[in-house]
Amino acid sequence: MSPLARPVVAVLHDGVDVLPPSTELDDLAEVRPAVADELAEALRGADVLLAWDFSSGAVERAWHGVDSLRWVHTASAGVDRLLFPALLEDPGITLTNSRGVFDQPIAEYVLGLVLTYAKDLHTTVDLHRERRWQHRETERVAGRRALVIGTGPIGRATGRLLRAAGLHVEGVGRRERADDPDLGRVHAAEDLLTALPHADFVVCAAPLTPSTRGMIDAAALAAMRPEARFINVGRGALVDEEALVEALRSGELAGAALDVVASEPLDPDSPLWTLPGVIISPHMSGDVVGWRAELLALFLANLRRYRADEALENVVDKTRGYVSTT
């Protein structure tokens, strides 16, 4: 495209969490904000789609409005909401994500959860509210073992931070590696069940793809140690929630910290709210102060490349469902 062209950018938002004002964006493009039921019309004649409301399923429903689209960007690391056939099968449309914005914040959140469990901080807060002085002994963090499922940037940042806190870290990825700089030993995905029994903390940071959907099933949960804690900062659909509830109820698993669930928000009647050892957070592990500005800055940098007809960054391998580094 001509460097002087001013592309049309359709922006999907939810009507509440809207794109921050940006004079640079207005200078670079003609912007068409749209909520879900307006998106099909906004897509007509658009060159670019920014899925600011990345949890919406509206893009697939509005796809019939696409006639000149060349690039789709999502304001998230995961792209599972966009992996529908019409987009995947169109070789003329590039898909990019917001890889890099959430890595360190999510890693810090995971470390916080590990410390919460080891130091029994959630019980301390409950006892404080009850004005009860109840002495307890807590666990060491140093020397404990963590298994990080997912070797992308979020998994790697998590591995580095857990290692810095003194945990022995291993990973699970597509291929086995003996000496990964961030995750130590990396087990192949097909060896997950043999890796799980050795971990005190199991951290799920994998992307949601056809091969990872439901990977934490009854067999995987049974393979974990009864004293283990499971932490999910990936996607809710990675986990068989009925099997997880049963494992927690039966004492086969000591706890689960879930920042994501299969259907969000979590139903108020879900047993996960009241099971012992469970910590629920509303998909917020990566949302630190200033995260929206970082997301917009990343998109603007890519938009400048797009206008200059340069290669985009964070291009998703649509056959794999994530940014491939190979």
C-alpha atoms as a PDB file:
ATOM      1  CA  MET A   1       0.000   0.000   0.000  1.00  0.00           C
ATOM      2  CA  SER A   2       1.122   3.563  -0.531  1.00  0.00           C
ATOM      3  CA  PRO A   3       2.886   5.103   2.489  1.00  0.00           C
ATOM      4  CA  LEU A   4       0.619   8.126   2.069  1.00  0.00           C
ATOM      5  CA  ALA A   5      -2.611   6.119   2.209  1.00  0.00           C
ATOM      6  CA  ARG A   6      -4.842   6.678   5.232  1.00  0.00           C
ATOM      7  CA  PRO A   7      -6.343   3.285   6.031  1.00  0.00           C
ATOM      8  CA  VAL A   8      -9.813   2.760   7.435  1.00  0.00           C
ATOM      9  CA  VAL A   9      -9.627   1.106  10.849  1.00  0.00           C
ATOM     10  CA  ALA A  10     -12.751  -0.465  12.322  1.00  0.00           C
ATOM     11  CA  VAL A  11     -12.508  -0.697  16.118  1.00  0.00           C
ATOM     12  CA  LEU A  12     -14.668  -3.221  17.968  1.00  0.00           C
ATOM     13  CA  HIS A  13     -15.433  -2.122  21.540  1.00  0.00           C
ATOM     14  CA  ASP A  14     -18.091  -3.050  24.078  1.00  0.00           C
ATOM     15  CA  GLY A  15     -19.483   0.429  24.671  1.00  0.00           C
ATOM     16  CA  VAL A  16     -17.878   0.677  28.112  1.00  0.00           C
ATOM     17  CA  ASP A  17     -14.180  -0.089  27.705  1.00  0.00           C
ATOM     18  CA  VAL A  18     -13.555   2.107  24.682  1.00  0.00           C
ATOM     19  CA  LEU A  19     -10.305   2.952  22.931  1.00  0.00           C
ATOM     20  CA  PRO A  20      -8.392   5.755  24.703  1.00  0.00           C
ATOM     21  CA  PRO A  21      -8.391   9.050  22.757  1.00  0.00           C
ATOM     22  CA  SER A  22      -5.387   9.281  20.442  1.00  0.00           C
ATOM     23  CA  THR A  23      -4.548  12.140  18.109  1.00  0.00           C
ATOM     24  CA  GLU A  24      -1.877   9.938  16.534  1.00  0.00           C
ATOM     25  CA  LEU A  25      -4.424   7.275  15.647  1.00  0.00           C
ATOM     26  CA  ASP A  26      -6.710   9.911  14.166  1.00  0.00           C
ATOM     27  CA  ASP A  27      -3.784  11.253  12.124  1.00  0.00           C
ATOM     28  CA  LEU A  28      -2.792   7.808  10.846  1.00  0.00           C
ATOM     29  CA  ALA A  29      -6.210   6.397   9.978  1.00  0.00           C
ATOM     30  CA  GLU A  30      -9.907   6.960   9.534  1.00  0.00           C
ATOM     31  CA  VAL A  31     -11.312   5.366  12.682  1.00  0.00           C
ATOM     32  CA  ARG A  32     -14.719   3.672  12.826  1.00  0.00           C
ATOM     33  CA  PRO A  33     -15.652   2.715  16.398  1.00  0.00           C
ATOM     34  CA  ALA A  34     -18.372   0.054  16.575  1.00  0.00           C
ATOM     35  CA  VAL A  35     -20.088  -2.112  19.150  1.00  0.00           C
ATOM     36  CA  ALA A  36     -21.007  -5.684  18.230  1.00  0.00           C
ATOM     37  CA  ASP A  37     -24.235  -5.000  16.335  1.00  0.00           C
ATOM     38  CA  GLU A  38     -22.591  -2.161  14.360  1.00  0.00           C
ATOM     39  CA  LEU A  39     -19.473  -4.069  13.367  1.00  0.00           C
ATOM     40  CA  ALA A  40     -20.643  -5.560  10.052  1.00  0.00           C
ATOM     41  CA  GLU A  41     -21.408  -2.101   8.704  1.00  0.00           C
ATOM     42  CA  ALA A  42     -18.124  -0.689  10.057  1.00  0.00           C
ATOM     43  CA  LEU A  43     -16.196  -3.463   8.310  1.00  0.00           C
ATOM     44  CA  ARG A  44     -17.476  -2.523   4.869  1.00  0.00           C
ATOM     45  CA  GLY A  45     -14.587  -0.794   3.106  1.00  0.00           C
ATOM     46  CA  ALA A  46     -12.308  -1.162   6.155  1.00  0.00           C
ATOM     47  CA  ASP A  47      -8.643  -2.075   5.692  1.00  0.00           C
ATOM     48  CA  VAL A  48      -7.923  -2.928   9.320  1.00  0.00           C
ATOM     49  CA  LEU A  49      -9.888  -4.338  12.251  1.00  0.00           C
ATOM     50  CA  LEU A  50      -8.748  -3.627  15.798  1.00  0.00           C
ATOM     51  CA  ALA A  51     -10.535  -6.051  18.127  1.00  0.00           C
ATOM     52  CA  TRP A  52     -10.298  -3.915  21.245  1.00  0.00           C
ATOM     53  CA  ASP A  53     -13.093  -5.987  22.796  1.00  0.00           C
ATOM     54  CA  PHE A  54     -11.042  -9.139  22.398  1.00  0.00           C
ATOM     55  CA  SER A  55     -13.407 -11.392  24.350  1.00  0.00           C
ATOM     56  CA  SER A  56     -16.325 -10.780  21.989  1.00  0.00           C
ATOM     57  CA  GLY A  57     -17.538 -13.304  19.445  1.00  0.00           C
ATOM     58  CA  ALA A  58     -18.862 -10.464  17.282  1.00  0.00           C
ATOM     59  CA  VAL A  59     -16.101 -10.616  14.673  1.00  0.00           C
ATOM     60  CA  GLU A  60     -17.208 -13.961  13.286  1.00  0.00           C
ATOM     61  CA  ARG A  61     -20.863 -12.910  13.306  1.00  0.00           C
ATOM     62  CA  ALA A  62     -20.052  -9.681  11.436  1.00  0.00           C
ATOM     63  CA  TRP A  63     -17.631 -11.237   8.952  1.00  0.00           C
ATOM     64  CA  HIS A  64     -20.147 -11.002   6.111  1.00  0.00           C
ATOM     65  CA  GLY A  65     -19.423  -7.277   6.086  1.00  0.00           C
ATOM     66  CA  VAL A  66     -15.766  -7.817   5.123  1.00  0.00           C
ATOM     67  CA  ASP A  67     -14.913  -6.748   1.582  1.00  0.00           C
ATOM     68  CA  SER A  68     -11.458  -5.164   1.681  1.00  0.00           C
ATOM     69  CA  LEU A  69      -9.938  -6.176   5.014  1.00  0.00           C
ATOM     70  CA  ARG A  70      -6.204  -6.908   5.052  1.00  0.00           C
ATOM     71  CA  TRP A  71      -5.230  -6.959   8.711  1.00  0.00           C
ATOM     72  CA  VAL A  72      -6.873  -7.978  11.999  1.00  0.00           C
ATOM     73  CA  HIS A  73      -5.264  -7.067  15.319  1.00  0.00           C
ATOM     74  CA  THR A  74      -6.485  -8.199  18.730  1.00  0.00           C
ATOM     75  CA  ALA A  75      -5.784  -6.339  21.972  1.00  0.00           C
ATOM     76  CA  SER A  76      -4.913  -9.623  23.680  1.00  0.00           C
ATOM     77  CA  ALA A  77      -2.252 -12.293  23.640  1.00  0.00           C
ATOM     78  CA  GLY A  78      -4.742 -15.095  22.955  1.00  0.00           C
ATOM     79  CA  VAL A  79      -6.416 -15.219  19.549  1.00  0.00           C
ATOM     80  CA  ASP A  80      -8.859 -18.084  20.130  1.00  0.00           C
ATOM     81  CA  ARG A  81     -11.916 -15.864  19.521  1.00  0.00           C
ATOM     82  CA  LEU A  82     -10.606 -15.141  16.021  1.00  0.00           C
ATOM     83  CA  LEU A  83      -9.751 -18.666  14.931  1.00  0.00           C
ATOM     84  CA  PHE A  84     -12.872 -19.175  12.854  1.00  0.00           C
ATOM     85  CA  PRO A  85     -12.708 -20.702   9.351  1.00  0.00           C
ATOM     86  CA  ALA A  86     -13.415 -17.603   7.239  1.00  0.00           C
ATOM     87  CA  LEU A  87     -10.510 -15.686   8.758  1.00  0.00           C
ATOM     88  CA  LEU A  88      -8.167 -18.673   8.929  1.00  0.00           C
ATOM     89  CA  GLU A  89      -8.728 -19.627   5.309  1.00  0.00           C
ATOM     90  CA  ASP A  90      -8.223 -16.156   3.847  1.00  0.00           C
ATOM     91  CA  PRO A  91      -4.540 -15.868   2.880  1.00  0.00           C
ATOM     92  CA  GLY A  92      -4.907 -12.161   2.212  1.00  0.00           C
ATOM     93  CA  ILE A  93      -5.645 -11.263   5.844  1.00  0.00           C
ATOM     94  CA  THR A  94      -2.841 -10.999   8.392  1.00  0.00           C
ATOM     95  CA  LEU A  95      -3.646 -11.644  12.054  1.00  0.00           C
ATOM     96  CA  THR A  96      -1.560 -10.048  14.820  1.00  0.00           C
ATOM     97  CA  ASN A  97      -1.817 -10.043  18.612  1.00  0.00           C
ATOM     98  CA  SER A  98      -0.606  -8.014  21.589  1.00  0.00           C
ATOM     99  CA  ARG A  99       2.202 -10.355  22.559  1.00  0.00           C
ATOM    100  CA  GLY A 100       4.576  -8.750  25.041  1.00  0.00           C
ATOM    101  CA  VAL A 101       2.211  -6.435  26.912  1.00  0.00           C
ATOM    102  CA  PHE A 102       0.986  -8.939  29.482  1.00  0.00           C
ATOM    103  CA  ASP A 103       4.034 -11.166  30.058  1.00  0.00           C
ATOM    104  CA  GLN A 104       5.563  -9.591  33.153  1.00  0.00           C
ATOM    105  CA  PRO A 105       2.283  -8.557  34.841  1.00  0.00           C
ATOM    106  CA  ILE A 106       0.903 -12.096  34.547  1.00  0.00           C
ATOM    107  CA  ALA A 107       4.173 -13.573  35.800  1.00  0.00           C
ATOM    108  CA  GLU A 108       4.000 -11.285  38.832  1.00  0.00           C
ATOM    109  CA  TYR A 109       0.395 -12.339  39.425  1.00  0.00           C
ATOM    110  CA  VAL A 110       1.382 -16.011  39.328  1.00  0.00           C
ATOM    111  CA  LEU A 111       4.190 -15.411  41.805  1.00  0.00           C
ATOM    112  CA  GLY A 112       1.685 -13.630  44.041  1.00  0.00           C
ATOM    113  CA  LEU A 113      -0.599 -16.665  43.945  1.00  0.00           C
ATOM    114  CA  VAL A 114       2.276 -19.030  44.717  1.00  0.00           C
ATOM    115  CA  LEU A 115       3.187 -16.877  47.736  1.00  0.00           C
ATOM    116  CA  THR A 116      -0.462 -16.651  48.765  1.00  0.00           C
ATOM    117  CA  TYR A 117      -0.753 -20.420  48.902  1.00  0.00           C
ATOM    118  CA  ALA A 118       2.646 -21.057  50.482  1.00  0.00           C
ATOM    119  CA  LYS A 119       2.244 -18.359  53.133  1.00  0.00           C
ATOM    120  CA  ASP A 120      -1.492 -18.982  53.639  1.00  0.00           C
ATOM    121  CA  LEU A 121      -2.213 -15.298  53.036  1.00  0.00           C
ATOM    122  CA  HIS A 122      -5.830 -15.856  52.052  1.00  0.00           C
ATOM    123  CA  THR A 123      -6.491 -17.482  55.441  1.00  0.00           C
ATOM    124  CA  THR A 124      -4.717 -14.610  57.187  1.00  0.00           C
ATOM    125  CA  VAL A 125      -7.073 -12.139  55.500  1.00  0.00           C
ATOM    126  CA  ASP A 126     -10.120 -14.208  56.493  1.00  0.00           C
ATOM    127  CA  LEU A 127      -8.957 -14.479  60.122  1.00  0.00           C
ATOM    128  CA  HIS A 128      -8.243 -10.764  60.225  1.00  0.00           C
ATOM    129  CA  ARG A 129     -11.836 -10.041  59.198  1.00  0.00           C
ATOM    130  CA  GLU A 130     -13.000 -12.340  62.007  1.00  0.00           C
ATOM    131  CA  ARG A 131     -10.592 -10.702  64.513  1.00  0.00           C
ATOM    132  CA  ARG A 132      -9.106 -14.120  65.274  1.00  0.00           C
ATOM    133  CA  TRP A 133      -5.504 -14.544  66.425  1.00  0.00           C
ATOM    134  CA  GLN A 134      -4.665 -18.034  65.126  1.00  0.00           C
ATOM    135  CA  HIS A 135      -1.017 -18.999  64.804  1.00  0.00           C
ATOM    136  CA  ARG A 136      -0.105 -21.263  61.884  1.00  0.00           C
ATOM    137  CA  GLU A 137       3.000 -22.596  60.188  1.00  0.00           C
ATOM    138  CA  THR A 138       3.507 -21.877  56.500  1.00  0.00           C
ATOM    139  CA  GLU A 139       5.505 -23.396  53.669  1.00  0.00           C
ATOM    140  CA  ARG A 140       8.851 -22.518  52.151  1.00  0.00           C
ATOM    141  CA  VAL A 141       8.800 -21.348  48.549  1.00  0.00           C
ATOM    142  CA  ALA A 142      12.485 -21.929  47.828  1.00  0.00           C
ATOM    143  CA  GLY A 143      13.065 -25.483  46.716  1.00  0.00           C
ATOM    144  CA  ARG A 144       9.479 -26.171  45.704  1.00  0.00           C
ATOM    145  CA  ARG A 145       8.796 -27.412  42.180  1.00  0.00           C
ATOM    146  CA  ALA A 146       6.705 -25.612  39.548  1.00  0.00           C
ATOM    147  CA  LEU A 147       5.592 -26.921  36.176  1.00  0.00           C
ATOM    148  CA  VAL A 148       4.720 -24.201  33.659  1.00  0.00           C
ATOM    149  CA  ILE A 149       2.509 -25.401  30.800  1.00  0.00           C
ATOM    150  CA  GLY A 150       3.116 -23.140  27.816  1.00  0.00           C
ATOM    151  CA  THR A 151       6.492 -21.949  26.570  1.00  0.00           C
ATOM    152  CA  GLY A 152       5.407 -18.652  25.006  1.00  0.00           C
ATOM    153  CA  PRO A 153       6.368 -15.231  26.404  1.00  0.00           C
ATOM    154  CA  ILE A 154       3.951 -15.448  29.344  1.00  0.00           C
ATOM    155  CA  GLY A 155       5.159 -18.911  30.340  1.00  0.00           C
ATOM    156  CA  ARG A 156       8.775 -17.818  29.992  1.00  0.00           C
ATOM    157  CA  ALA A 157       8.327 -14.664  32.079  1.00  0.00           C
ATOM    158  CA  THR A 158       6.593 -16.790  34.711  1.00  0.00           C
ATOM    159  CA  GLY A 159       9.399 -19.325  34.709  1.00  0.00           C
ATOM    160  CA  ARG A 160      12.044 -16.633  35.142  1.00  0.00           C
ATOM    161  CA  LEU A 161      10.241 -15.017  38.065  1.00  0.00           C
ATOM    162  CA  LEU A 162       9.526 -18.307  39.841  1.00  0.00           C
ATOM    163  CA  ARG A 163      13.146 -19.335  39.461  1.00  0.00           C
ATOM    164  CA  ALA A 164      14.226 -15.991  40.919  1.00  0.00           C
ATOM    165  CA  ALA A 165      12.046 -16.766  43.963  1.00  0.00           C
ATOM    166  CA  GLY A 166      13.903 -20.034  44.452  1.00  0.00           C
ATOM    167  CA  LEU A 167      11.534 -22.541  42.869  1.00  0.00           C
ATOM    168  CA  HIS A 168      12.767 -25.353  40.674  1.00  0.00           C
ATOM    169  CA  VAL A 169      10.991 -24.782  37.358  1.00  0.00           C
ATOM    170  CA  GLU A 170      10.260 -27.077  34.432  1.00  0.00           C
ATOM    171  CA  GLY A 171       8.050 -26.504  31.418  1.00  0.00           C
ATOM    172  CA  VAL A 172       5.734 -28.255  28.991  1.00  0.00           C
ATOM    173  CA  GLY A 173       5.783 -27.283  25.317  1.00  0.00           C
ATOM    174  CA  ARG A 174       5.432 -28.686  21.829  1.00  0.00           C
ATOM    175  CA  ARG A 175       8.957 -30.102  21.795  1.00  0.00           C
ATOM    176  CA  GLU A 176      11.189 -31.562  24.476  1.00  0.00           C
ATOM    177  CA  ARG A 177      14.293 -29.560  25.388  1.00  0.00           C
ATOM    178  CA  ALA A 178      16.891 -30.445  27.981  1.00  0.00           C
ATOM    179  CA  ASP A 179      18.204 -27.018  28.975  1.00  0.00           C
ATOM    180  CA  ASP A 180      15.864 -24.126  28.250  1.00  0.00           C
ATOM    181  CA  PRO A 181      17.214 -20.775  29.523  1.00  0.00           C
ATOM    182  CA  ASP A 182      13.905 -19.779  31.159  1.00  0.00           C
ATOM    183  CA  LEU A 183      12.181 -23.041  31.990  1.00  0.00           C
ATOM    184  CA  GLY A 184      15.006 -25.510  32.516  1.00  0.00           C
ATOM    185  CA  ARG A 185      13.857 -28.875  31.269  1.00  0.00           C
ATOM    186  CA  VAL A 186      10.907 -28.665  28.873  1.00  0.00           C
ATOM    187  CA  HIS A 187       8.741 -31.764  28.483  1.00  0.00           C
ATOM    188  CA  ALA A 188       6.935 -32.485  25.238  1.00  0.00           C
ATOM    189  CA  ALA A 189       3.169 -32.000  25.404  1.00  0.00           C
ATOM    190  CA  GLU A 190       2.564 -35.716  24.995  1.00  0.00           C
ATOM    191  CA  ASP A 191       4.560 -36.315  28.200  1.00  0.00           C
ATOM    192  CA  LEU A 192       2.377 -34.034  30.339  1.00  0.00           C
ATOM    193  CA  LEU A 193       1.031 -36.861  32.508  1.00  0.00           C
ATOM    194  CA  THR A 194       4.524 -38.014  33.447  1.00  0.00           C
ATOM    195  CA  ALA A 195       5.630 -34.466  34.346  1.00  0.00           C
ATOM    196  CA  LEU A 196       2.643 -33.508  36.510  1.00  0.00           C
ATOM    197  CA  PRO A 197       3.267 -35.779  39.546  1.00  0.00           C
ATOM    198  CA  HIS A 198       6.526 -33.997  40.390  1.00  0.00           C
ATOM    199  CA  ALA A 199       5.098 -30.463  40.681  1.00  0.00           C
ATOM    200  CA  ASP A 200       3.962 -28.597  43.796  1.00  0.00           C
ATOM    201  CA  PHE A 201       2.546 -25.812  41.611  1.00  0.00           C
ATOM    202  CA  VAL A 202       1.134 -26.367  38.117  1.00  0.00           C
ATOM    203  CA  VAL A 203       0.802 -23.155  36.112  1.00  0.00           C
ATOM    204  CA  CYS A 204      -1.222 -23.230  32.907  1.00  0.00           C
ATOM    205  CA  ALA A 205      -0.201 -20.435  30.511  1.00  0.00           C
ATOM    206  CA  ALA A 206      -0.809 -22.209  27.206  1.00  0.00           C
ATOM    207  CA  PRO A 207      -2.730 -20.717  24.270  1.00  0.00           C
ATOM    208  CA  LEU A 208      -6.148 -22.154  23.487  1.00  0.00           C
ATOM    209  CA  THR A 209      -5.895 -24.199  20.294  1.00  0.00           C
ATOM    210  CA  PRO A 210      -7.617 -27.388  19.113  1.00  0.00           C
ATOM    211  CA  SER A 211      -4.720 -29.401  20.555  1.00  0.00           C
ATOM    212  CA  THR A 212      -4.770 -27.723  23.978  1.00  0.00           C
ATOM    213  CA  ARG A 213      -8.537 -27.442  24.541  1.00  0.00           C
ATOM    214  CA  GLY A 214      -9.453 -29.554  27.569  1.00  0.00           C
ATOM    215  CA  MET A 215      -5.852 -30.623  28.171  1.00  0.00           C
ATOM    216  CA  ILE A 216      -6.290 -30.381  31.944  1.00  0.00           C
ATOM    217  CA  ASP A 217      -8.801 -33.212  32.113  1.00  0.00           C
ATOM    218  CA  ALA A 218      -9.594 -35.870  34.708  1.00  0.00           C
ATOM    219  CA  ALA A 219      -6.448 -37.833  33.824  1.00  0.00           C
ATOM    220  CA  ALA A 220      -4.220 -34.774  34.167  1.00  0.00           C
ATOM    221  CA  LEU A 221      -5.811 -33.799  37.477  1.00  0.00           C
ATOM    222  CA  ALA A 222      -5.416 -37.356  38.789  1.00  0.00           C
ATOM    223  CA  ALA A 223      -1.735 -37.223  37.863  1.00  0.00           C
ATOM    224  CA  MET A 224      -1.145 -34.163  40.067  1.00  0.00           C
ATOM    225  CA  ARG A 225      -0.030 -34.585  43.657  1.00  0.00           C
ATOM    226  CA  PRO A 226      -2.807 -34.221  46.279  1.00  0.00           C
ATOM    227  CA  GLU A 227      -0.759 -31.397  47.807  1.00  0.00           C
ATOM    228  CA  ALA A 228      -0.400 -29.567  44.486  1.00  0.00           C
ATOM    229  CA  ARG A 229      -1.993 -26.247  43.593  1.00  0.00           C
ATOM    230  CA  PHE A 230      -3.182 -25.536  40.068  1.00  0.00           C
ATOM    231  CA  ILE A 231      -3.009 -21.999  38.636  1.00  0.00           C
ATOM    232  CA  ASN A 232      -4.675 -21.086  35.328  1.00  0.00           C
ATOM    233  CA  VAL A 233      -3.812 -17.796  33.616  1.00  0.00           C
ATOM    234  CA  GLY A 234      -4.309 -19.141  30.083  1.00  0.00           C
ATOM    235  CA  ARG A 235      -7.884 -19.791  28.983  1.00  0.00           C
ATOM    236  CA  GLY A 236     -10.745 -21.392  30.856  1.00  0.00           C
ATOM    237  CA  ALA A 237     -11.430 -23.919  28.085  1.00  0.00           C
ATOM    238  CA  LEU A 238      -8.017 -25.486  28.698  1.00  0.00           C
ATOM    239  CA  VAL A 239      -9.604 -27.131  31.742  1.00  0.00           C
ATOM    240  CA  ASP A 240     -12.382 -29.665  32.203  1.00  0.00           C
ATOM    241  CA  GLU A 241     -14.143 -27.724  34.962  1.00  0.00           C
ATOM    242  CA  GLU A 242     -16.381 -30.602  36.050  1.00  0.00           C
ATOM    243  CA  ALA A 243     -13.313 -32.774  36.552  1.00  0.00           C
ATOM    244  CA  LEU A 244     -11.601 -29.932  38.421  1.00  0.00           C
ATOM    245  CA  VAL A 245     -14.561 -29.526  40.774  1.00  0.00           C
ATOM    246  CA  GLU A 246     -14.555 -33.267  41.469  1.00  0.00           C
ATOM    247  CA  ALA A 247     -10.794 -33.299  42.124  1.00  0.00           C
ATOM    248  CA  LEU A 248     -11.135 -30.438  44.605  1.00  0.00           C
ATOM    249  CA  ARG A 249     -14.149 -31.963  46.328  1.00  0.00           C
ATOM    250  CA  SER A 250     -12.483 -35.356  46.715  1.00  0.00           C
ATOM    251  CA  GLY A 251      -9.210 -33.937  48.012  1.00  0.00           C
ATOM    252  CA  GLU A 252      -7.238 -35.122  44.999  1.00  0.00           C
ATOM    253  CA  LEU A 253      -6.025 -31.535  44.571  1.00  0.00           C
ATOM    254  CA  ALA A 254      -5.193 -29.055  47.329  1.00  0.00           C
ATOM    255  CA  GLY A 255      -6.211 -25.888  45.540  1.00  0.00           C
ATOM    256  CA  ALA A 256      -6.862 -24.036  42.304  1.00  0.00           C
ATOM    257  CA  ALA A 257      -6.371 -20.371  41.466  1.00  0.00           C
ATOM    258  CA  LEU A 258      -8.393 -19.493  38.387  1.00  0.00           C
ATOM    259  CA  ASP A 259      -8.010 -16.146  36.662  1.00  0.00           C
ATOM    260  CA  VAL A 260      -9.940 -17.553  33.688  1.00  0.00           C
ATOM    261  CA  VAL A 261     -12.928 -19.872  33.489  1.00  0.00           C
ATOM    262  CA  ALA A 262     -14.798 -21.551  30.649  1.00  0.00           C
ATOM    263  CA  SER A 263     -17.728 -19.110  30.738  1.00  0.00           C
ATOM    264  CA  GLU A 264     -17.002 -15.594  31.966  1.00  0.00           C
ATOM    265  CA  PRO A 265     -18.152 -14.132  34.244  1.00  0.00           C
ATOM    266  CA  LEU A 266     -18.284 -17.220  36.454  1.00  0.00           C
ATOM    267  CA  ASP A 267     -21.864 -18.194  37.334  1.00  0.00           C
ATOM    268  CA  PRO A 268     -22.681 -17.126  40.924  1.00  0.00           C
ATOM    269  CA  ASP A 269     -23.993 -20.660  41.505  1.00  0.00           C
ATOM    270  CA  SER A 270     -20.773 -22.359  40.420  1.00  0.00           C
ATOM    271  CA  PRO A 271     -19.344 -24.621  43.136  1.00  0.00           C
ATOM    272  CA  LEU A 272     -15.920 -23.151  42.386  1.00  0.00           C
ATOM    273  CA  TRP A 273     -16.861 -20.074  44.458  1.00  0.00           C
ATOM    274  CA  THR A 274     -17.162 -22.057  47.678  1.00  0.00           C
ATOM    275  CA  LEU A 275     -14.774 -25.010  47.359  1.00  0.00           C
ATOM    276  CA  PRO A 276     -11.861 -24.893  49.810  1.00  0.00           C
ATOM    277  CA  GLY A 277      -8.511 -23.903  48.365  1.00  0.00           C
ATOM    278  CA  VAL A 278      -9.998 -22.062  45.395  1.00  0.00           C
ATOM    279  CA  ILE A 279      -9.098 -18.474  44.503  1.00  0.00           C
ATOM    280  CA  ILE A 280     -11.163 -16.837  41.741  1.00  0.00           C
ATOM    281  CA  SER A 281     -10.132 -13.620  40.006  1.00  0.00           C
ATOM    282  CA  PRO A 282     -12.005 -11.955  37.110  1.00  0.00           C
ATOM    283  CA  HIS A 283      -9.556 -12.376  34.206  1.00  0.00           C
ATOM    284  CA  MET A 284      -7.348  -9.577  35.527  1.00  0.00           C
ATOM    285  CA  SER A 285      -3.892 -11.097  35.936  1.00  0.00           C
ATOM    286  CA  GLY A 286      -2.369  -8.997  33.143  1.00  0.00           C
ATOM    287  CA  ASP A 287      -4.351  -5.812  33.688  1.00  0.00           C
ATOM    288  CA  VAL A 288      -1.983  -3.433  35.444  1.00  0.00           C
ATOM    289  CA  VAL A 289      -2.286   0.348  35.606  1.00  0.00           C
ATOM    290  CA  GLY A 290      -1.527   1.705  32.138  1.00  0.00           C
ATOM    291  CA  TRP A 291      -2.190  -1.507  30.209  1.00  0.00           C
ATOM    292  CA  ARG A 292      -4.631   0.119  27.784  1.00  0.00           C
ATOM    293  CA  ALA A 293      -2.056   2.743  26.828  1.00  0.00           C
ATOM    294  CA  GLU A 294       0.507  -0.012  26.234  1.00  0.00           C
ATOM    295  CA  LEU A 295      -1.929  -1.926  24.036  1.00  0.00           C
ATOM    296  CA  LEU A 296      -2.674   1.167  21.973  1.00  0.00           C
ATOM    297  CA  ALA A 297       1.039   2.025  21.636  1.00  0.00           C
ATOM    298  CA  LEU A 298       1.758  -1.465  20.337  1.00  0.00           C
ATOM    299  CA  PHE A 299      -1.041  -1.195  17.773  1.00  0.00           C
ATOM    300  CA  LEU A 300       0.085   2.266  16.657  1.00  0.00           C
ATOM    301  CA  ALA A 301       3.634   1.022  16.100  1.00  0.00           C
ATOM    302  CA  ASN A 302       2.281  -1.725  13.861  1.00  0.00           C
ATOM    303  CA  LEU A 303      -0.076   0.700  12.122  1.00  0.00           C
ATOM    304  CA  ARG A 304       2.897   2.859  11.177  1.00  0.00           C
ATOM    305  CA  ARG A 305       4.560  -0.237   9.703  1.00  0.00           C
ATOM    306  CA  TYR A 306       1.363  -1.050   7.829  1.00  0.00           C
ATOM    307  CA  ARG A 307       1.178   2.428   6.317  1.00  0.00           C
ATOM    308  CA  ALA A 308       4.825   2.168   5.251  1.00  0.00           C
ATOM    309  CA  ASP A 309       4.205  -1.291   3.733  1.00  0.00           C
ATOM    310  CA  GLU A 310       6.665  -2.844   6.180  1.00  0.00           C
ATOM    311  CA  ALA A 311       6.441  -6.267   7.819  1.00  0.00           C
ATOM    312  CA  LEU A 312       4.115  -6.315  10.818  1.00  0.00           C
ATOM    313  CA  GLU A 313       5.216  -7.563  14.218  1.00  0.00           C
ATOM    314  CA  ASN A 314       3.427 -10.225  16.305  1.00  0.00           C
ATOM    315  CA  VAL A 315       2.083 -12.015  13.231  1.00  0.00           C
ATOM    316  CA  VAL A 316       0.088 -15.062  14.318  1.00  0.00           C
ATOM    317  CA  ASP A 317       0.662 -18.394  12.627  1.00  0.00           C
ATOM    318  CA  LYS A 318      -2.988 -19.084  11.845  1.00  0.00           C
ATOM    319  CA  THR A 319      -2.409 -22.829  11.550  1.00  0.00           C
ATOM    320  CA  ARG A 320      -0.967 -22.970  15.091  1.00  0.00           C
ATOM    321  CA  GLY A 321      -2.972 -20.244  16.789  1.00  0.00           C
ATOM    322  CA  TYR A 322      -0.088 -18.216  18.206  1.00  0.00           C
ATOM    323  CA  VAL A 323       2.966 -16.199  17.203  1.00  0.00           C
ATOM    324  CA  SER A 324       5.567 -18.718  16.092  1.00  0.00           C
ATOM    325  CA  THR A 325       9.235 -17.961  16.682  1.00  0.00           C
ATOM    326  CA  THR A 326      10.401 -20.785  14.432  1.00  0.00           C
END
